[in-house]
């Protein structure tokens, strides 16, 4: 699945994102609203990851969905 598909189906995908990144709050996922950069930023904040690490995690998550 590519990011355009995820963004278009964000209402369905946000629950999946919440399950995958359990430390993200509902507000974090809601604020991301399908914006990859915002999601990566939230992952960085909650998990203390670098930008590159967050990007790799999102890439991996996308590949599984």
PDB file of N, CA and C in Angstrom:
ATOM      1  N   UNK A   1       0.855  -1.168   0.000  1.00  0.00           N
ATOM      2  CA  UNK A   1       0.000   0.000   0.000  1.00  0.00           C
ATOM      3  C   UNK A   1       0.905   1.236   0.000  1.00  0.00           C
ATOM      4  N   UNK A   2       0.565   2.206  -0.822  1.00  0.00           N
ATOM      5  CA  UNK A   2       1.366   3.434  -0.831  1.00  0.00           C
ATOM      6  C   UNK A   2       0.719   4.483   0.078  1.00  0.00           C
ATOM      7  N   UNK A   3       1.443   5.572   0.294  1.00  0.00           N
ATOM      8  CA  UNK A   3       0.952   6.557   1.262  1.00  0.00           C
ATOM      9  C   UNK A   3      -0.337   7.220   0.806  1.00  0.00           C
ATOM     10  N   UNK A   4      -0.519   7.429  -0.486  1.00  0.00           N
ATOM     11  CA  UNK A   4      -1.772   8.030  -0.966  1.00  0.00           C
ATOM     12  C   UNK A   4      -2.968   7.166  -0.587  1.00  0.00           C
ATOM     13  N   UNK A   5      -2.801   5.843  -0.661  1.00  0.00           N
ATOM     14  CA  UNK A   5      -3.881   4.938  -0.276  1.00  0.00           C
ATOM     15  C   UNK A   5      -4.140   5.008   1.229  1.00  0.00           C
ATOM     16  N   UNK A   6      -3.064   5.062   2.001  1.00  0.00           N
ATOM     17  CA  UNK A   6      -3.214   5.163   3.451  1.00  0.00           C
ATOM     18  C   UNK A   6      -3.916   6.468   3.808  1.00  0.00           C
ATOM     19  N   UNK A   7      -3.471   7.557   3.196  1.00  0.00           N
ATOM     20  CA  UNK A   7      -4.079   8.859   3.471  1.00  0.00           C
ATOM     21  C   UNK A   7      -5.568   8.855   3.118  1.00  0.00           C
ATOM     22  N   UNK A   8      -5.897   8.266   1.978  1.00  0.00           N
ATOM     23  CA  UNK A   8      -7.292   8.207   1.547  1.00  0.00           C
ATOM     24  C   UNK A   8      -8.164   7.351   2.449  1.00  0.00           C
ATOM     25  N   UNK A   9      -7.554   6.385   3.116  1.00  0.00           N
ATOM     26  CA  UNK A   9      -8.284   5.483   4.011  1.00  0.00           C
ATOM     27  C   UNK A   9      -7.909   5.724   5.469  1.00  0.00           C
ATOM     28  N   UNK A  10      -7.548   6.954   5.812  1.00  0.00           N
ATOM     29  CA  UNK A  10      -7.024   7.229   7.146  1.00  0.00           C
ATOM     30  C   UNK A  10      -7.999   6.841   8.256  1.00  0.00           C
ATOM     31  N   UNK A  11      -9.283   7.018   8.036  1.00  0.00           N
ATOM     32  CA  UNK A  11     -10.247   6.653   9.087  1.00  0.00           C
ATOM     33  C   UNK A  11     -10.113   5.180   9.446  1.00  0.00           C
ATOM     34  N   UNK A  12      -9.890   4.325   8.457  1.00  0.00           N
ATOM     35  CA  UNK A  12      -9.708   2.905   8.711  1.00  0.00           C
ATOM     36  C   UNK A  12      -8.298   2.611   9.226  1.00  0.00           C
ATOM     37  N   UNK A  13      -7.316   3.344   8.737  1.00  0.00           N
ATOM     38  CA  UNK A  13      -5.915   3.063   9.056  1.00  0.00           C
ATOM     39  C   UNK A  13      -5.493   3.595  10.424  1.00  0.00           C
ATOM     40  N   UNK A  14      -6.183   4.583  10.940  1.00  0.00           N
ATOM     41  CA  UNK A  14      -5.722   5.168  12.202  1.00  0.00           C
ATOM     42  C   UNK A  14      -5.817   4.191  13.360  1.00  0.00           C
ATOM     43  N   UNK A  15      -6.786   3.298  13.360  1.00  0.00           N
ATOM     44  CA  UNK A  15      -6.868   2.272  14.401  1.00  0.00           C
ATOM     45  C   UNK A  15      -5.694   1.322  14.314  1.00  0.00           C
ATOM     46  N   UNK A  16      -5.315   0.996  13.105  1.00  0.00           N
ATOM     47  CA  UNK A  16      -4.164   0.137  12.878  1.00  0.00           C
ATOM     48  C   UNK A  16      -2.889   0.827  13.367  1.00  0.00           C
ATOM     49  N   UNK A  17      -2.767   2.101  13.098  1.00  0.00           N
ATOM     50  CA  UNK A  17      -1.594   2.872  13.553  1.00  0.00           C
ATOM     51  C   UNK A  17      -1.553   2.919  15.077  1.00  0.00           C
ATOM     52  N   UNK A  18      -2.696   3.096  15.705  1.00  0.00           N
ATOM     53  CA  UNK A  18      -2.762   3.143  17.179  1.00  0.00           C
ATOM     54  C   UNK A  18      -2.322   1.823  17.783  1.00  0.00           C
ATOM     55  N   UNK A  19      -2.759   0.720  17.163  1.00  0.00           N
ATOM     56  CA  UNK A  19      -2.359  -0.597  17.670  1.00  0.00           C
ATOM     57  C   UNK A  19      -0.856  -0.810  17.485  1.00  0.00           C
ATOM     58  N   UNK A  20      -0.338  -0.371  16.359  1.00  0.00           N
ATOM     59  CA  UNK A  20       1.089  -0.571  16.065  1.00  0.00           C
ATOM     60  C   UNK A  20       1.975   0.277  16.977  1.00  0.00           C
ATOM     61  N   UNK A  21       1.613   1.527  17.153  1.00  0.00           N
ATOM     62  CA  UNK A  21       2.365   2.441  18.014  1.00  0.00           C
ATOM     63  C   UNK A  21       1.505   2.741  19.232  1.00  0.00           C
ATOM     64  N   UNK A  22       1.537   1.857  20.198  1.00  0.00           N
ATOM     65  CA  UNK A  22       0.671   1.945  21.369  1.00  0.00           C
ATOM     66  C   UNK A  22       0.859   3.185  22.218  1.00  0.00           C
ATOM     67  N   UNK A  23       2.019   3.826  22.131  1.00  0.00           N
ATOM     68  CA  UNK A  23       2.251   5.024  22.934  1.00  0.00           C
ATOM     69  C   UNK A  23       1.651   6.283  22.299  1.00  0.00           C
ATOM     70  N   UNK A  24       1.210   6.189  21.049  1.00  0.00           N
ATOM     71  CA  UNK A  24       0.538   7.328  20.427  1.00  0.00           C
ATOM     72  C   UNK A  24      -0.864   7.449  21.011  1.00  0.00           C
ATOM     73  N   UNK A  25      -1.256   8.651  21.306  1.00  0.00           N
ATOM     74  CA  UNK A  25      -2.602   8.873  21.821  1.00  0.00           C
ATOM     75  C   UNK A  25      -3.591   8.977  20.662  1.00  0.00           C
ATOM     76  N   UNK A  26      -4.864   8.912  20.996  1.00  0.00           N
ATOM     77  CA  UNK A  26      -5.896   9.114  19.973  1.00  0.00           C
ATOM     78  C   UNK A  26      -5.728  10.491  19.341  1.00  0.00           C
ATOM     79  N   UNK A  27      -5.396  11.483  20.156  1.00  0.00           N
ATOM     80  CA  UNK A  27      -5.184  12.837  19.634  1.00  0.00           C
ATOM     81  C   UNK A  27      -4.001  12.882  18.665  1.00  0.00           C
ATOM     82  N   UNK A  28      -2.916  12.171  18.996  1.00  0.00           N
ATOM     83  CA  UNK A  28      -1.749  12.129  18.106  1.00  0.00           C
ATOM     84  C   UNK A  28      -2.152  11.606  16.737  1.00  0.00           C
ATOM     85  N   UNK A  29      -2.866  10.504  16.741  1.00  0.00           N
ATOM     86  CA  UNK A  29      -3.265   9.871  15.478  1.00  0.00           C
ATOM     87  C   UNK A  29      -4.265  10.753  14.737  1.00  0.00           C
ATOM     88  N   UNK A  30      -5.159  11.372  15.477  1.00  0.00           N
ATOM     89  CA  UNK A  30      -6.149  12.274  14.867  1.00  0.00           C
ATOM     90  C   UNK A  30      -5.456  13.479  14.243  1.00  0.00           C
ATOM     91  N   UNK A  31      -4.470  14.042  14.928  1.00  0.00           N
ATOM     92  CA  UNK A  31      -3.745  15.203  14.418  1.00  0.00           C
ATOM     93  C   UNK A  31      -2.940  14.857  13.168  1.00  0.00           C
ATOM     94  N   UNK A  32      -2.453  13.630  13.099  1.00  0.00           N
ATOM     95  CA  UNK A  32      -1.696  13.215  11.909  1.00  0.00           C
ATOM     96  C   UNK A  32      -2.586  13.288  10.670  1.00  0.00           C
ATOM     97  N   UNK A  33      -3.831  12.905  10.817  1.00  0.00           N
ATOM     98  CA  UNK A  33      -4.840  13.012   9.749  1.00  0.00           C
ATOM     99  C   UNK A  33      -4.324  12.553   8.389  1.00  0.00           C
ATOM    100  N   UNK A  34      -3.529  11.487   8.396  1.00  0.00           N
ATOM    101  CA  UNK A  34      -3.026  10.947   7.140  1.00  0.00           C
ATOM    102  C   UNK A  34      -1.788  11.645   6.612  1.00  0.00           C
ATOM    103  N   UNK A  35      -1.255  12.602   7.341  1.00  0.00           N
ATOM    104  CA  UNK A  35      -0.043  13.313   6.926  1.00  0.00           C
ATOM    105  C   UNK A  35       1.163  12.547   7.462  1.00  0.00           C
ATOM    106  N   UNK A  36       1.930  11.977   6.562  1.00  0.00           N
ATOM    107  CA  UNK A  36       3.057  11.126   6.945  1.00  0.00           C
ATOM    108  C   UNK A  36       4.062  11.870   7.821  1.00  0.00           C
ATOM    109  N   UNK A  37       4.392  13.092   7.467  1.00  0.00           N
ATOM    110  CA  UNK A  37       5.391  13.847   8.235  1.00  0.00           C
ATOM    111  C   UNK A  37       4.916  14.104   9.661  1.00  0.00           C
ATOM    112  N   UNK A  38       3.643  14.386   9.824  1.00  0.00           N
ATOM    113  CA  UNK A  38       3.103  14.615  11.166  1.00  0.00           C
ATOM    114  C   UNK A  38       3.156  13.306  11.956  1.00  0.00           C
ATOM    115  N   UNK A  39       2.775  12.199  11.340  1.00  0.00           N
ATOM    116  CA  UNK A  39       2.828  10.898  12.009  1.00  0.00           C
ATOM    117  C   UNK A  39       4.257  10.580  12.437  1.00  0.00           C
ATOM    118  N   UNK A  40       5.207  10.794  11.536  1.00  0.00           N
ATOM    119  CA  UNK A  40       6.608  10.542  11.873  1.00  0.00           C
ATOM    120  C   UNK A  40       7.055  11.424  13.040  1.00  0.00           C
ATOM    121  N   UNK A  41       6.624  12.671  13.051  1.00  0.00           N
ATOM    122  CA  UNK A  41       6.968  13.580  14.141  1.00  0.00           C
ATOM    123  C   UNK A  41       6.396  13.109  15.469  1.00  0.00           C
ATOM    124  N   UNK A  42       5.178  12.606  15.452  1.00  0.00           N
ATOM    125  CA  UNK A  42       4.553  12.093  16.671  1.00  0.00           C
ATOM    126  C   UNK A  42       5.303  10.862  17.182  1.00  0.00           C
ATOM    127  N   UNK A  43       5.725  10.014  16.258  1.00  0.00           N
ATOM    128  CA  UNK A  43       6.505   8.828  16.645  1.00  0.00           C
ATOM    129  C   UNK A  43       7.831   9.259  17.262  1.00  0.00           C
ATOM    130  N   UNK A  44       8.468  10.251  16.662  1.00  0.00           N
ATOM    131  CA  UNK A  44       9.724  10.772  17.212  1.00  0.00           C
ATOM    132  C   UNK A  44       9.515  11.271  18.639  1.00  0.00           C
ATOM    133  N   UNK A  45       8.472  12.039  18.851  1.00  0.00           N
ATOM    134  CA  UNK A  45       8.194  12.611  20.174  1.00  0.00           C
ATOM    135  C   UNK A  45       7.928  11.530  21.210  1.00  0.00           C
ATOM    136  N   UNK A  46       7.050  10.606  20.895  1.00  0.00           N
ATOM    137  CA  UNK A  46       6.616   9.608  21.879  1.00  0.00           C
ATOM    138  C   UNK A  46       7.671   8.547  22.161  1.00  0.00           C
ATOM    139  N   UNK A  47       8.466   8.214  21.148  1.00  0.00           N
ATOM    140  CA  UNK A  47       9.418   7.115  21.301  1.00  0.00           C
ATOM    141  C   UNK A  47      10.874   7.570  21.377  1.00  0.00           C
ATOM    142  N   UNK A  48      11.126   8.863  21.223  1.00  0.00           N
ATOM    143  CA  UNK A  48      12.497   9.365  21.283  1.00  0.00           C
ATOM    144  C   UNK A  48      13.366   8.872  20.146  1.00  0.00           C
ATOM    145  N   UNK A  49      12.783   8.722  18.991  1.00  0.00           N
ATOM    146  CA  UNK A  49      13.499   8.219  17.814  1.00  0.00           C
ATOM    147  C   UNK A  49      13.995   9.368  16.952  1.00  0.00           C
ATOM    148  N   UNK A  50      14.989   9.053  16.127  1.00  0.00           N
ATOM    149  CA  UNK A  50      15.463  10.037  15.161  1.00  0.00           C
ATOM    150  C   UNK A  50      14.474  10.090  14.002  1.00  0.00           C
ATOM    151  N   UNK A  51      14.609  11.104  13.190  1.00  0.00           N
ATOM    152  CA  UNK A  51      13.744  11.237  12.017  1.00  0.00           C
ATOM    153  C   UNK A  51      13.885  10.025  11.109  1.00  0.00           C
ATOM    154  N   UNK A  52      15.120   9.575  10.909  1.00  0.00           N
ATOM    155  CA  UNK A  52      15.369   8.424  10.038  1.00  0.00           C
ATOM    156  C   UNK A  52      14.743   7.155  10.599  1.00  0.00           C
ATOM    157  N   UNK A  53      14.845   6.961  11.918  1.00  0.00           N
ATOM    158  CA  UNK A  53      14.239   5.783  12.543  1.00  0.00           C
ATOM    159  C   UNK A  53      12.721   5.809  12.390  1.00  0.00           C
ATOM    160  N   UNK A  54      12.123   6.960  12.581  1.00  0.00           N
ATOM    161  CA  UNK A  54      10.669   7.092  12.440  1.00  0.00           C
ATOM    162  C   UNK A  54      10.254   6.820  10.998  1.00  0.00           C
ATOM    163  N   UNK A  55      11.023   7.321  10.037  1.00  0.00           N
ATOM    164  CA  UNK A  55      10.715   7.076   8.623  1.00  0.00           C
ATOM    165  C   UNK A  55      10.771   5.584   8.309  1.00  0.00           C
ATOM    166  N   UNK A  56      11.780   4.893   8.828  1.00  0.00           N
ATOM    167  CA  UNK A  56      11.903   3.449   8.589  1.00  0.00           C
ATOM    168  C   UNK A  56      10.738   2.686   9.215  1.00  0.00           C
ATOM    169  N   UNK A  57      10.325   3.102  10.396  1.00  0.00           N
ATOM    170  CA  UNK A  57       9.179   2.445  11.035  1.00  0.00           C
ATOM    171  C   UNK A  57       7.910   2.621  10.219  1.00  0.00           C
ATOM    172  N   UNK A  58       7.692   3.833   9.721  1.00  0.00           N
ATOM    173  CA  UNK A  58       6.493   4.081   8.910  1.00  0.00           C
ATOM    174  C   UNK A  58       6.582   3.290   7.602  1.00  0.00           C
ATOM    175  N   UNK A  59       7.757   3.229   6.992  1.00  0.00           N
ATOM    176  CA  UNK A  59       7.931   2.421   5.769  1.00  0.00           C
ATOM    177  C   UNK A  59       7.582   0.962   6.035  1.00  0.00           C
ATOM    178  N   UNK A  60       8.076   0.441   7.142  1.00  0.00           N
ATOM    179  CA  UNK A  60       7.811  -0.950   7.500  1.00  0.00           C
ATOM    180  C   UNK A  60       6.326  -1.185   7.752  1.00  0.00           C
ATOM    181  N   UNK A  61       5.694  -0.264   8.459  1.00  0.00           N
ATOM    182  CA  UNK A  61       4.258  -0.355   8.736  1.00  0.00           C
ATOM    183  C   UNK A  61       3.459  -0.330   7.438  1.00  0.00           C
ATOM    184  N   UNK A  62       3.859   0.565   6.523  1.00  0.00           N
ATOM    185  CA  UNK A  62       3.156   0.663   5.232  1.00  0.00           C
ATOM    186  C   UNK A  62       3.266  -0.633   4.462  1.00  0.00           C
ATOM    187  N   UNK A  63       4.431  -1.260   4.491  1.00  0.00           N
ATOM    188  CA  UNK A  63       4.643  -2.498   3.739  1.00  0.00           C
ATOM    189  C   UNK A  63       3.755  -3.636   4.247  1.00  0.00           C
ATOM    190  N   UNK A  64       3.390  -3.589   5.515  1.00  0.00           N
ATOM    191  CA  UNK A  64       2.546  -4.641   6.099  1.00  0.00           C
ATOM    192  C   UNK A  64       1.058  -4.371   5.898  1.00  0.00           C
ATOM    193  N   UNK A  65       0.705  -3.202   5.432  1.00  0.00           N
ATOM    194  CA  UNK A  65      -0.718  -2.853   5.298  1.00  0.00           C
ATOM    195  C   UNK A  65      -1.148  -2.731   3.870  1.00  0.00           C
TER     196      UNK A  65
END
